Amino acid sequence: MFNPFLFVLGIMAIIFSVPIVAIWTEHRRKVMEMQLRAQSAPNEKVEARLQELRREIADLRATSTEYDLSFDSALERMESRIAKLEQRVQRLEGRTGTPVATEEQEIHNTAA
């Protein structure tokens, strides 16, 4: 029961199925590659953002340390000025008969 029509149909199915299967498998491979890239892309974005945040934190640390040192030095200068003023006031209070204008001039000279 050899049917030539079915034989030719079978051969044609084999001939056309090979490229269709090749095209389909290539398509599946490309889809899987795109899925893997899509999954890894957020990780790369997160990693880049994390590096940027680390750099910003380092900059903030450096800036805050710089301002802290500047504030400390300004505070030390103010403390030394106040100490000098207190010493002059104590010295002036210890004197008797010192004119008021001279006391004010000495205070202004030490502040400047």
PDB file of N, CA and C in Angstrom:
ATOM      1  N   MET A   1       0.813  -1.154   0.000  1.00  0.00           N
ATOM      2  CA  MET A   1       0.000   0.000   0.000  1.00  0.00           C
ATOM      3  C   MET A   1       0.881   1.250   0.000  1.00  0.00           C
ATOM      4  N   PHE A   2       1.596   1.325  -0.985  1.00  0.00           N
ATOM      5  CA  PHE A   2       2.453   2.476  -1.171  1.00  0.00           C
ATOM      6  C   PHE A   2       1.641   3.582  -1.820  1.00  0.00           C
ATOM      7  N   ASN A   3       1.588   4.704  -1.107  1.00  0.00           N
ATOM      8  CA  ASN A   3       0.862   5.856  -1.634  1.00  0.00           C
ATOM      9  C   ASN A   3       1.886   6.918  -1.987  1.00  0.00           C
ATOM     10  N   PRO A   4       2.090   7.231  -3.288  1.00  0.00           N
ATOM     11  CA  PRO A   4       3.105   8.189  -3.679  1.00  0.00           C
ATOM     12  C   PRO A   4       2.801   9.610  -3.166  1.00  0.00           C
ATOM     13  N   PHE A   5       1.534   9.940  -3.053  1.00  0.00           N
ATOM     14  CA  PHE A   5       1.185  11.273  -2.555  1.00  0.00           C
ATOM     15  C   PHE A   5       1.658  11.462  -1.113  1.00  0.00           C
ATOM     16  N   LEU A   6       1.415  10.484  -0.252  1.00  0.00           N
ATOM     17  CA  LEU A   6       1.864  10.567   1.140  1.00  0.00           C
ATOM     18  C   LEU A   6       3.385  10.544   1.240  1.00  0.00           C
ATOM     19  N   PHE A   7       4.041   9.787   0.324  1.00  0.00           N
ATOM     20  CA  PHE A   7       5.494   9.729   0.322  1.00  0.00           C
ATOM     21  C   PHE A   7       6.074  11.120  -0.015  1.00  0.00           C
ATOM     22  N   VAL A   8       5.562  11.745  -1.048  1.00  0.00           N
ATOM     23  CA  VAL A   8       6.031  13.067  -1.441  1.00  0.00           C
ATOM     24  C   VAL A   8       5.704  14.082  -0.334  1.00  0.00           C
ATOM     25  N   LEU A   9       4.520  13.977   0.242  1.00  0.00           N
ATOM     26  CA  LEU A   9       4.125  14.864   1.328  1.00  0.00           C
ATOM     27  C   LEU A   9       5.055  14.701   2.524  1.00  0.00           C
ATOM     28  N   GLY A  10       5.450  13.484   2.851  1.00  0.00           N
ATOM     29  CA  GLY A  10       6.373  13.223   3.954  1.00  0.00           C
ATOM     30  C   GLY A  10       7.745  13.804   3.686  1.00  0.00           C
ATOM     31  N   ILE A  11       8.250  13.627   2.467  1.00  0.00           N
ATOM     32  CA  ILE A  11       9.556  14.171   2.100  1.00  0.00           C
ATOM     33  C   ILE A  11       9.524  15.696   2.152  1.00  0.00           C
ATOM     34  N   MET A  12       8.446  16.291   1.648  1.00  0.00           N
ATOM     35  CA  MET A  12       8.334  17.749   1.683  1.00  0.00           C
ATOM     36  C   MET A  12       8.235  18.248   3.126  1.00  0.00           C
ATOM     37  N   ALA A  13       7.535  17.498   3.982  1.00  0.00           N
ATOM     38  CA  ALA A  13       7.434  17.878   5.395  1.00  0.00           C
ATOM     39  C   ALA A  13       8.809  17.850   6.041  1.00  0.00           C
ATOM     40  N   ILE A  14       9.609  16.842   5.717  1.00  0.00           N
ATOM     41  CA  ILE A  14      10.959  16.750   6.275  1.00  0.00           C
ATOM     42  C   ILE A  14      11.818  17.893   5.752  1.00  0.00           C
ATOM     43  N   ILE A  15      11.727  18.165   4.457  1.00  0.00           N
ATOM     44  CA  ILE A  15      12.544  19.217   3.854  1.00  0.00           C
ATOM     45  C   ILE A  15      12.209  20.585   4.462  1.00  0.00           C
ATOM     46  N   PHE A  16      10.922  20.894   4.624  1.00  0.00           N
ATOM     47  CA  PHE A  16      10.539  22.207   5.151  1.00  0.00           C
ATOM     48  C   PHE A  16      10.582  22.294   6.679  1.00  0.00           C
ATOM     49  N   SER A  17      10.549  21.153   7.348  1.00  0.00           N
ATOM     50  CA  SER A  17      10.563  21.193   8.820  1.00  0.00           C
ATOM     51  C   SER A  17      11.945  21.513   9.368  1.00  0.00           C
ATOM     52  N   VAL A  18      13.004  21.107   8.656  1.00  0.00           N
ATOM     53  CA  VAL A  18      14.361  21.368   9.137  1.00  0.00           C
ATOM     54  C   VAL A  18      14.611  22.882   9.253  1.00  0.00           C
ATOM     55  N   PRO A  19      14.357  23.701   8.225  1.00  0.00           N
ATOM     56  CA  PRO A  19      14.578  25.146   8.394  1.00  0.00           C
ATOM     57  C   PRO A  19      13.630  25.770   9.424  1.00  0.00           C
ATOM     58  N   ILE A  20      12.395  25.274   9.479  1.00  0.00           N
ATOM     59  CA  ILE A  20      11.442  25.826  10.450  1.00  0.00           C
ATOM     60  C   ILE A  20      11.930  25.547  11.869  1.00  0.00           C
ATOM     61  N   VAL A  21      12.425  24.349  12.115  1.00  0.00           N
ATOM     62  CA  VAL A  21      12.960  24.014  13.441  1.00  0.00           C
ATOM     63  C   VAL A  21      14.206  24.857  13.728  1.00  0.00           C
ATOM     64  N   ALA A  22      15.058  25.072  12.733  1.00  0.00           N
ATOM     65  CA  ALA A  22      16.264  25.891  12.921  1.00  0.00           C
ATOM     66  C   ALA A  22      15.870  27.338  13.250  1.00  0.00           C
ATOM     67  N   ILE A  23      14.891  27.869  12.522  1.00  0.00           N
ATOM     68  CA  ILE A  23      14.432  29.235  12.794  1.00  0.00           C
ATOM     69  C   ILE A  23      13.820  29.325  14.183  1.00  0.00           C
ATOM     70  N   TRP A  24      13.035  28.350  14.533  1.00  0.00           N
ATOM     71  CA  TRP A  24      12.371  28.369  15.844  1.00  0.00           C
ATOM     72  C   TRP A  24      13.395  28.278  16.978  1.00  0.00           C
ATOM     73  N   THR A  25      14.391  27.381  16.842  1.00  0.00           N
ATOM     74  CA  THR A  25      15.402  27.266  17.903  1.00  0.00           C
ATOM     75  C   THR A  25      16.257  28.533  17.999  1.00  0.00           C
ATOM     76  N   GLU A  26      16.562  29.176  16.856  1.00  0.00           N
ATOM     77  CA  GLU A  26      17.316  30.434  16.877  1.00  0.00           C
ATOM     78  C   GLU A  26      16.509  31.525  17.585  1.00  0.00           C
ATOM     79  N   HIS A  27      15.217  31.544  17.293  1.00  0.00           N
ATOM     80  CA  HIS A  27      14.351  32.516  17.953  1.00  0.00           C
ATOM     81  C   HIS A  27      14.320  32.277  19.464  1.00  0.00           C
ATOM     82  N   ARG A  28      14.180  31.055  19.882  1.00  0.00           N
ATOM     83  CA  ARG A  28      14.158  30.718  21.321  1.00  0.00           C
ATOM     84  C   ARG A  28      15.477  31.113  21.988  1.00  0.00           C
ATOM     85  N   ARG A  29      16.601  30.882  21.292  1.00  0.00           N
ATOM     86  CA  ARG A  29      17.909  31.251  21.840  1.00  0.00           C
ATOM     87  C   ARG A  29      18.004  32.762  22.034  1.00  0.00           C
ATOM     88  N   LYS A  30      17.548  33.538  21.038  1.00  0.00           N
ATOM     89  CA  LYS A  30      17.586  34.998  21.159  1.00  0.00           C
ATOM     90  C   LYS A  30      16.673  35.491  22.274  1.00  0.00           C
ATOM     91  N   VAL A  31      15.515  34.894  22.411  1.00  0.00           N
ATOM     92  CA  VAL A  31      14.596  35.286  23.483  1.00  0.00           C
ATOM     93  C   VAL A  31      15.226  35.008  24.846  1.00  0.00           C
ATOM     94  N   MET A  32      15.859  33.860  25.000  1.00  0.00           N
ATOM     95  CA  MET A  32      16.513  33.517  26.275  1.00  0.00           C
ATOM     96  C   MET A  32      17.678  34.473  26.558  1.00  0.00           C
ATOM     97  N   GLU A  33      18.447  34.840  25.531  1.00  0.00           N
ATOM     98  CA  GLU A  33      19.538  35.797  25.729  1.00  0.00           C
ATOM     99  C   GLU A  33      18.997  37.148  26.185  1.00  0.00           C
ATOM    100  N   MET A  34      17.909  37.588  25.560  1.00  0.00           N
ATOM    101  CA  MET A  34      17.310  38.866  25.961  1.00  0.00           C
ATOM    102  C   MET A  34      16.789  38.800  27.398  1.00  0.00           C
ATOM    103  N   GLN A  35      16.214  37.671  27.780  1.00  0.00           N
ATOM    104  CA  GLN A  35      15.733  37.517  29.157  1.00  0.00           C
ATOM    105  C   GLN A  35      16.896  37.568  30.139  1.00  0.00           C
ATOM    106  N   LEU A  36      17.987  36.897  29.817  1.00  0.00           N
ATOM    107  CA  LEU A  36      19.162  36.920  30.699  1.00  0.00           C
ATOM    108  C   LEU A  36      19.754  38.322  30.789  1.00  0.00           C
ATOM    109  N   ARG A  37      19.806  39.042  29.653  1.00  0.00           N
ATOM    110  CA  ARG A  37      20.298  40.420  29.699  1.00  0.00           C
ATOM    111  C   ARG A  37      19.388  41.306  30.529  1.00  0.00           C
ATOM    112  N   ALA A  38      18.077  41.083  30.387  1.00  0.00           N
ATOM    113  CA  ALA A  38      17.120  41.890  31.156  1.00  0.00           C
ATOM    114  C   ALA A  38      17.266  41.612  32.650  1.00  0.00           C
ATOM    115  N   GLN A  39      17.572  40.381  33.010  1.00  0.00           N
ATOM    116  CA  GLN A  39      17.760  40.049  34.424  1.00  0.00           C
ATOM    117  C   GLN A  39      19.069  40.613  34.955  1.00  0.00           C
ATOM    118  N   SER A  40      20.104  40.616  34.134  1.00  0.00           N
ATOM    119  CA  SER A  40      21.400  41.117  34.605  1.00  0.00           C
ATOM    120  C   SER A  40      21.494  42.635  34.506  1.00  0.00           C
ATOM    121  N   ALA A  41      20.722  43.269  33.634  1.00  0.00           N
ATOM    122  CA  ALA A  41      20.770  44.729  33.484  1.00  0.00           C
ATOM    123  C   ALA A  41      20.390  45.448  34.773  1.00  0.00           C
ATOM    124  N   PRO A  42      19.312  45.055  35.471  1.00  0.00           N
ATOM    125  CA  PRO A  42      19.024  45.731  36.740  1.00  0.00           C
ATOM    126  C   PRO A  42      20.155  45.570  37.747  1.00  0.00           C
ATOM    127  N   ASN A  43      20.809  44.409  37.746  1.00  0.00           N
ATOM    128  CA  ASN A  43      21.937  44.209  38.666  1.00  0.00           C
ATOM    129  C   ASN A  43      23.068  45.175  38.342  1.00  0.00           C
ATOM    130  N   GLU A  44      23.330  45.386  37.054  1.00  0.00           N
ATOM    131  CA  GLU A  44      24.378  46.328  36.661  1.00  0.00           C
ATOM    132  C   GLU A  44      23.979  47.746  37.047  1.00  0.00           C
ATOM    133  N   LYS A  45      22.702  48.087  36.860  1.00  0.00           N
ATOM    134  CA  LYS A  45      22.237  49.421  37.233  1.00  0.00           C
ATOM    135  C   LYS A  45      22.331  49.613  38.739  1.00  0.00           C
ATOM    136  N   VAL A  46      21.956  48.599  39.473  1.00  0.00           N
ATOM    137  CA  VAL A  46      22.024  48.685  40.935  1.00  0.00           C
ATOM    138  C   VAL A  46      23.478  48.818  41.372  1.00  0.00           C
ATOM    139  N   GLU A  47      24.355  48.075  40.745  1.00  0.00           N
ATOM    140  CA  GLU A  47      25.781  48.136  41.093  1.00  0.00           C
ATOM    141  C   GLU A  47      26.353  49.522  40.783  1.00  0.00           C
ATOM    142  N   ALA A  48      25.981  50.074  39.639  1.00  0.00           N
ATOM    143  CA  ALA A  48      26.457  51.413  39.277  1.00  0.00           C
ATOM    144  C   ALA A  48      25.925  52.450  40.266  1.00  0.00           C
ATOM    145  N   ARG A  49      24.670  52.347  40.630  1.00  0.00           N
ATOM    146  CA  ARG A  49      24.070  53.290  41.587  1.00  0.00           C
ATOM    147  C   ARG A  49      24.734  53.146  42.961  1.00  0.00           C
ATOM    148  N   LEU A  50      25.031  51.903  43.330  1.00  0.00           N
ATOM    149  CA  LEU A  50      25.689  51.655  44.607  1.00  0.00           C
ATOM    150  C   LEU A  50      27.078  52.285  44.637  1.00  0.00           C
ATOM    151  N   GLN A  51      27.818  52.173  43.543  1.00  0.00           N
ATOM    152  CA  GLN A  51      29.139  52.798  43.461  1.00  0.00           C
ATOM    153  C   GLN A  51      29.016  54.322  43.548  1.00  0.00           C
ATOM    154  N   GLU A  52      27.998  54.871  42.888  1.00  0.00           N
ATOM    155  CA  GLU A  52      27.778  56.314  42.942  1.00  0.00           C
ATOM    156  C   GLU A  52      27.460  56.772  44.368  1.00  0.00           C
ATOM    157  N   LEU A  53      26.637  56.002  45.064  1.00  0.00           N
ATOM    158  CA  LEU A  53      26.306  56.335  46.451  1.00  0.00           C
ATOM    159  C   LEU A  53      27.530  56.238  47.351  1.00  0.00           C
ATOM    160  N   ARG A  54      28.367  55.254  47.126  1.00  0.00           N
ATOM    161  CA  ARG A  54      29.600  55.126  47.920  1.00  0.00           C
ATOM    162  C   ARG A  54      30.500  56.346  47.725  1.00  0.00           C
ATOM    163  N   ARG A  55      30.593  56.799  46.464  1.00  0.00           N
ATOM    164  CA  ARG A  55      31.412  57.976  46.179  1.00  0.00           C
ATOM    165  C   ARG A  55      30.827  59.218  46.852  1.00  0.00           C
ATOM    166  N   GLU A  56      29.508  59.356  46.821  1.00  0.00           N
ATOM    167  CA  GLU A  56      28.874  60.503  47.462  1.00  0.00           C
ATOM    168  C   GLU A  56      29.083  60.480  48.975  1.00  0.00           C
ATOM    169  N   ILE A  57      28.998  59.300  49.577  1.00  0.00           N
ATOM    170  CA  ILE A  57      29.211  59.185  51.026  1.00  0.00           C
ATOM    171  C   ILE A  57      30.650  59.542  51.377  1.00  0.00           C
ATOM    172  N   ALA A  58      31.592  59.115  50.556  1.00  0.00           N
ATOM    173  CA  ALA A  58      33.001  59.463  50.806  1.00  0.00           C
ATOM    174  C   ALA A  58      33.207  60.976  50.706  1.00  0.00           C
ATOM    175  N   ASP A  59      32.558  61.596  49.717  1.00  0.00           N
ATOM    176  CA  ASP A  59      32.655  63.056  49.588  1.00  0.00           C
ATOM    177  C   ASP A  59      32.046  63.751  50.802  1.00  0.00           C
ATOM    178  N   LEU A  60      30.907  63.251  51.263  1.00  0.00           N
ATOM    179  CA  LEU A  60      30.270  63.847  52.439  1.00  0.00           C
ATOM    180  C   LEU A  60      31.139  63.701  53.679  1.00  0.00           C
ATOM    181  N   ARG A  61      31.782  62.558  53.824  1.00  0.00           N
ATOM    182  CA  ARG A  61      32.684  62.359  54.963  1.00  0.00           C
ATOM    183  C   ARG A  61      33.832  63.365  54.917  1.00  0.00           C
ATOM    184  N   ALA A  62      34.420  63.522  53.740  1.00  0.00           N
ATOM    185  CA  ALA A  62      35.537  64.453  53.607  1.00  0.00           C
ATOM    186  C   ALA A  62      35.087  65.879  53.914  1.00  0.00           C
ATOM    187  N   THR A  63      33.933  66.257  53.402  1.00  0.00           N
ATOM    188  CA  THR A  63      33.425  67.611  53.634  1.00  0.00           C
ATOM    189  C   THR A  63      33.105  67.830  55.099  1.00  0.00           C
ATOM    190  N   SER A  64      32.450  66.856  55.728  1.00  0.00           N
ATOM    191  CA  SER A  64      32.096  67.019  57.139  1.00  0.00           C
ATOM    192  C   SER A  64      33.342  67.067  58.014  1.00  0.00           C
ATOM    193  N   THR A  65      34.355  66.286  57.680  1.00  0.00           N
ATOM    194  CA  THR A  65      35.601  66.330  58.438  1.00  0.00           C
ATOM    195  C   THR A  65      36.272  67.695  58.278  1.00  0.00           C
ATOM    196  N   GLU A  66      36.247  68.212  57.063  1.00  0.00           N
ATOM    197  CA  GLU A  66      36.844  69.532  56.810  1.00  0.00           C
ATOM    198  C   GLU A  66      36.127  70.618  57.609  1.00  0.00           C
ATOM    199  N   TYR A  67      34.791  70.581  57.602  1.00  0.00           N
ATOM    200  CA  TYR A  67      34.036  71.578  58.364  1.00  0.00           C
ATOM    201  C   TYR A  67      34.224  71.398  59.867  1.00  0.00           C
ATOM    202  N   ASP A  68      34.358  70.153  60.314  1.00  0.00           N
ATOM    203  CA  ASP A  68      34.579  69.891  61.731  1.00  0.00           C
ATOM    204  C   ASP A  68      35.906  70.485  62.179  1.00  0.00           C
ATOM    205  N   LEU A  69      36.945  70.282  61.389  1.00  0.00           N
ATOM    206  CA  LEU A  69      38.252  70.845  61.730  1.00  0.00           C
ATOM    207  C   LEU A  69      38.216  72.370  61.699  1.00  0.00           C
ATOM    208  N   SER A  70      37.525  72.926  60.722  1.00  0.00           N
ATOM    209  CA  SER A  70      37.403  74.385  60.633  1.00  0.00           C
ATOM    210  C   SER A  70      36.645  74.928  61.844  1.00  0.00           C
ATOM    211  N   PHE A  71      35.573  74.240  62.230  1.00  0.00           N
ATOM    212  CA  PHE A  71      34.790  74.676  63.383  1.00  0.00           C
ATOM    213  C   PHE A  71      35.618  74.575  64.661  1.00  0.00           C
ATOM    214  N   ASP A  72      36.377  73.503  64.813  1.00  0.00           N
ATOM    215  CA  ASP A  72      37.224  73.347  65.999  1.00  0.00           C
ATOM    216  C   ASP A  72      38.260  74.464  66.101  1.00  0.00           C
ATOM    217  N   SER A  73      38.887  74.791  64.980  1.00  0.00           N
ATOM    218  CA  SER A  73      39.894  75.853  65.032  1.00  0.00           C
ATOM    219  C   SER A  73      39.249  77.204  65.345  1.00  0.00           C
ATOM    220  N   ALA A  74      38.068  77.463  64.782  1.00  0.00           N
ATOM    221  CA  ALA A  74      37.368  78.719  65.088  1.00  0.00           C
ATOM    222  C   ALA A  74      36.981  78.758  66.562  1.00  0.00           C
ATOM    223  N   LEU A  75      36.530  77.634  67.089  1.00  0.00           N
ATOM    224  CA  LEU A  75      36.162  77.560  68.497  1.00  0.00           C
ATOM    225  C   LEU A  75      37.371  77.788  69.395  1.00  0.00           C
ATOM    226  N   GLU A  76      38.509  77.225  69.048  1.00  0.00           N
ATOM    227  CA  GLU A  76      39.728  77.441  69.834  1.00  0.00           C
ATOM    228  C   GLU A  76      40.151  78.908  69.809  1.00  0.00           C
ATOM    229  N   ARG A  77      40.031  79.555  68.628  1.00  0.00           N
ATOM    230  CA  ARG A  77      40.368  80.980  68.546  1.00  0.00           C
ATOM    231  C   ARG A  77      39.441  81.796  69.437  1.00  0.00           C
ATOM    232  N   MET A  78      38.155  81.493  69.409  1.00  0.00           N
ATOM    233  CA  MET A  78      37.194  82.224  70.246  1.00  0.00           C
ATOM    234  C   MET A  78      37.506  82.006  71.727  1.00  0.00           C
ATOM    235  N   GLU A  79      37.825  80.770  72.109  1.00  0.00           N
ATOM    236  CA  GLU A  79      38.144  80.487  73.512  1.00  0.00           C
ATOM    237  C   GLU A  79      39.386  81.254  73.951  1.00  0.00           C
ATOM    238  N   SER A  80      40.394  81.314  73.083  1.00  0.00           N
ATOM    239  CA  SER A  80      41.614  82.044  73.468  1.00  0.00           C
ATOM    240  C   SER A  80      41.329  83.538  73.578  1.00  0.00           C
ATOM    241  N   ARG A  81      40.496  84.081  72.704  1.00  0.00           N
ATOM    242  CA  ARG A  81      40.141  85.498  72.800  1.00  0.00           C
ATOM    243  C   ARG A  81      39.383  85.787  74.091  1.00  0.00           C
ATOM    244  N   ILE A  82      38.447  84.919  74.418  1.00  0.00           N
ATOM    245  CA  ILE A  82      37.677  85.105  75.655  1.00  0.00           C
ATOM    246  C   ILE A  82      38.585  85.007  76.866  1.00  0.00           C
ATOM    247  N   ALA A  83      39.524  84.058  76.843  1.00  0.00           N
ATOM    248  CA  ALA A  83      40.453  83.922  77.965  1.00  0.00           C
ATOM    249  C   ALA A  83      41.303  85.184  78.123  1.00  0.00           C
ATOM    250  N   LYS A  84      41.768  85.737  77.008  1.00  0.00           N
ATOM    251  CA  LYS A  84      42.547  86.971  77.079  1.00  0.00           C
ATOM    252  C   LYS A  84      41.707  88.119  77.612  1.00  0.00           C
ATOM    253  N   LEU A  85      40.448  88.209  77.156  1.00  0.00           N
ATOM    254  CA  LEU A  85      39.574  89.264  77.661  1.00  0.00           C
ATOM    255  C   LEU A  85      39.318  89.108  79.154  1.00  0.00           C
ATOM    256  N   GLU A  86      39.107  87.872  79.597  1.00  0.00           N
ATOM    257  CA  GLU A  86      38.886  87.645  81.029  1.00  0.00           C
ATOM    258  C   GLU A  86      40.110  88.027  81.838  1.00  0.00           C
ATOM    259  N   GLN A  87      41.301  87.711  81.324  1.00  0.00           N
ATOM    260  CA  GLN A  87      42.522  88.088  82.018  1.00  0.00           C
ATOM    261  C   GLN A  87      42.646  89.605  82.111  1.00  0.00           C
ATOM    262  N   ARG A  88      42.344  90.310  81.046  1.00  0.00           N
ATOM    263  CA  ARG A  88      42.433  91.774  81.067  1.00  0.00           C
ATOM    264  C   ARG A  88      41.403  92.381  82.001  1.00  0.00           C
ATOM    265  N   VAL A  89      40.194  91.801  81.993  1.00  0.00           N
ATOM    266  CA  VAL A  89      39.160  92.321  82.892  1.00  0.00           C
ATOM    267  C   VAL A  89      39.582  92.112  84.337  1.00  0.00           C
ATOM    268  N   GLN A  90      40.121  90.931  84.645  1.00  0.00           N
ATOM    269  CA  GLN A  90      40.578  90.675  86.005  1.00  0.00           C
ATOM    270  C   GLN A  90      41.721  91.609  86.384  1.00  0.00           C
ATOM    271  N   ARG A  91      42.615  91.839  85.450  1.00  0.00           N
ATOM    272  CA  ARG A  91      43.733  92.739  85.707  1.00  0.00           C
ATOM    273  C   ARG A  91      43.236  94.179  85.907  1.00  0.00           C
ATOM    274  N   LEU A  92      42.256  94.579  85.082  1.00  0.00           N
ATOM    275  CA  LEU A  92      41.707  95.930  85.207  1.00  0.00           C
ATOM    276  C   LEU A  92      40.893  96.096  86.489  1.00  0.00           C
ATOM    277  N   GLU A  93      40.200  95.054  86.888  1.00  0.00           N
ATOM    278  CA  GLU A  93      39.438  95.122  88.137  1.00  0.00           C
ATOM    279  C   GLU A  93      40.368  95.193  89.346  1.00  0.00           C
ATOM    280  N   GLY A  94      41.548  94.622  89.202  1.00  0.00           N
ATOM    281  CA  GLY A  94      42.515  94.653  90.283  1.00  0.00           C
ATOM    282  C   GLY A  94      43.149  96.024  90.449  1.00  0.00           C
ATOM    283  N   ARG A  95      43.150  96.840  89.425  1.00  0.00           N
ATOM    284  CA  ARG A  95      43.717  98.182  89.508  1.00  0.00           C
ATOM    285  C   ARG A  95      42.722  99.132  90.166  1.00  0.00           C
ATOM    286  N   THR A  96      43.254 100.145  90.695  1.00  0.00           N
ATOM    287  CA  THR A  96      42.395 101.194  91.268  1.00  0.00           C
ATOM    288  C   THR A  96      42.704 102.493  90.582  1.00  0.00           C
ATOM    289  N   GLY A  97      41.689 103.235  90.271  1.00  0.00           N
ATOM    290  CA  GLY A  97      41.876 104.550  89.689  1.00  0.00           C
ATOM    291  C   GLY A  97      42.222 104.526  88.210  1.00  0.00           C
ATOM    292  N   THR A  98      41.936 103.472  87.501  1.00  0.00           N
ATOM    293  CA  THR A  98      42.203 103.434  86.072  1.00  0.00           C
ATOM    294  C   THR A  98      41.064 104.120  85.335  1.00  0.00           C
ATOM    295  N   PRO A  99      41.376 105.025  84.406  1.00  0.00           N
ATOM    296  CA  PRO A  99      40.314 105.707  83.680  1.00  0.00           C
ATOM    297  C   PRO A  99      39.498 104.718  82.833  1.00  0.00           C
ATOM    298  N   VAL A 100      38.213 104.998  82.658  1.00  0.00           N
ATOM    299  CA  VAL A 100      37.300 104.119  81.923  1.00  0.00           C
ATOM    300  C   VAL A 100      37.665 104.074  80.454  1.00  0.00           C
ATOM    301  N   ALA A 101      38.055 105.194  79.860  1.00  0.00           N
ATOM    302  CA  ALA A 101      38.396 105.249  78.435  1.00  0.00           C
ATOM    303  C   ALA A 101      39.562 104.323  78.139  1.00  0.00           C
ATOM    304  N   THR A 102      40.550 104.242  79.003  1.00  0.00           N
ATOM    305  CA  THR A 102      41.704 103.373  78.803  1.00  0.00           C
ATOM    306  C   THR A 102      41.291 101.910  78.862  1.00  0.00           C
ATOM    307  N   GLU A 103      40.384 101.558  79.774  1.00  0.00           N
ATOM    308  CA  GLU A 103      39.913 100.175  79.877  1.00  0.00           C
ATOM    309  C   GLU A 103      39.194  99.750  78.606  1.00  0.00           C
ATOM    310  N   GLU A 104      38.346 100.617  78.069  1.00  0.00           N
ATOM    311  CA  GLU A 104      37.616 100.298  76.851  1.00  0.00           C
ATOM    312  C   GLU A 104      38.585 100.151  75.672  1.00  0.00           C
ATOM    313  N   GLN A 105      39.583 100.977  75.622  1.00  0.00           N
ATOM    314  CA  GLN A 105      40.560 100.895  74.533  1.00  0.00           C
ATOM    315  C   GLN A 105      41.326  99.584  74.592  1.00  0.00           C
ATOM    316  N   GLU A 106      41.696  99.138  75.779  1.00  0.00           N
ATOM    317  CA  GLU A 106      42.436  97.875  75.908  1.00  0.00           C
ATOM    318  C   GLU A 106      41.565  96.709  75.497  1.00  0.00           C
ATOM    319  N   ILE A 107      40.280  96.732  75.864  1.00  0.00           N
ATOM    320  CA  ILE A 107      39.379  95.644  75.484  1.00  0.00           C
ATOM    321  C   ILE A 107      39.224  95.589  73.969  1.00  0.00           C
ATOM    322  N   HIS A 108      39.062  96.740  73.319  1.00  0.00           N
ATOM    323  CA  HIS A 108      38.926  96.782  71.868  1.00  0.00           C
ATOM    324  C   HIS A 108      40.207  96.341  71.176  1.00  0.00           C
ATOM    325  N   ASN A 109      41.352  96.672  71.730  1.00  0.00           N
ATOM    326  CA  ASN A 109      42.624  96.271  71.132  1.00  0.00           C
ATOM    327  C   ASN A 109      42.826  94.760  71.185  1.00  0.00           C
ATOM    328  N   THR A 110      42.389  94.124  72.270  1.00  0.00           N
ATOM    329  CA  THR A 110      42.550  92.668  72.382  1.00  0.00           C
ATOM    330  C   THR A 110      41.570  91.927  71.497  1.00  0.00           C
ATOM    331  N   ALA A 111      40.384  92.483  71.282  1.00  0.00           N
ATOM    332  CA  ALA A 111      39.391  91.842  70.425  1.00  0.00           C
ATOM    333  C   ALA A 111      39.796  91.906  68.972  1.00  0.00           C
ATOM    334  N   ALA A 112      40.526  92.924  68.578  1.00  0.00           N
ATOM    335  CA  ALA A 112      40.916  93.101  67.176  1.00  0.00           C
ATOM    336  C   ALA A 112      42.117  92.292  66.863  1.00  0.00           C
TER     337      ALA A 112
END
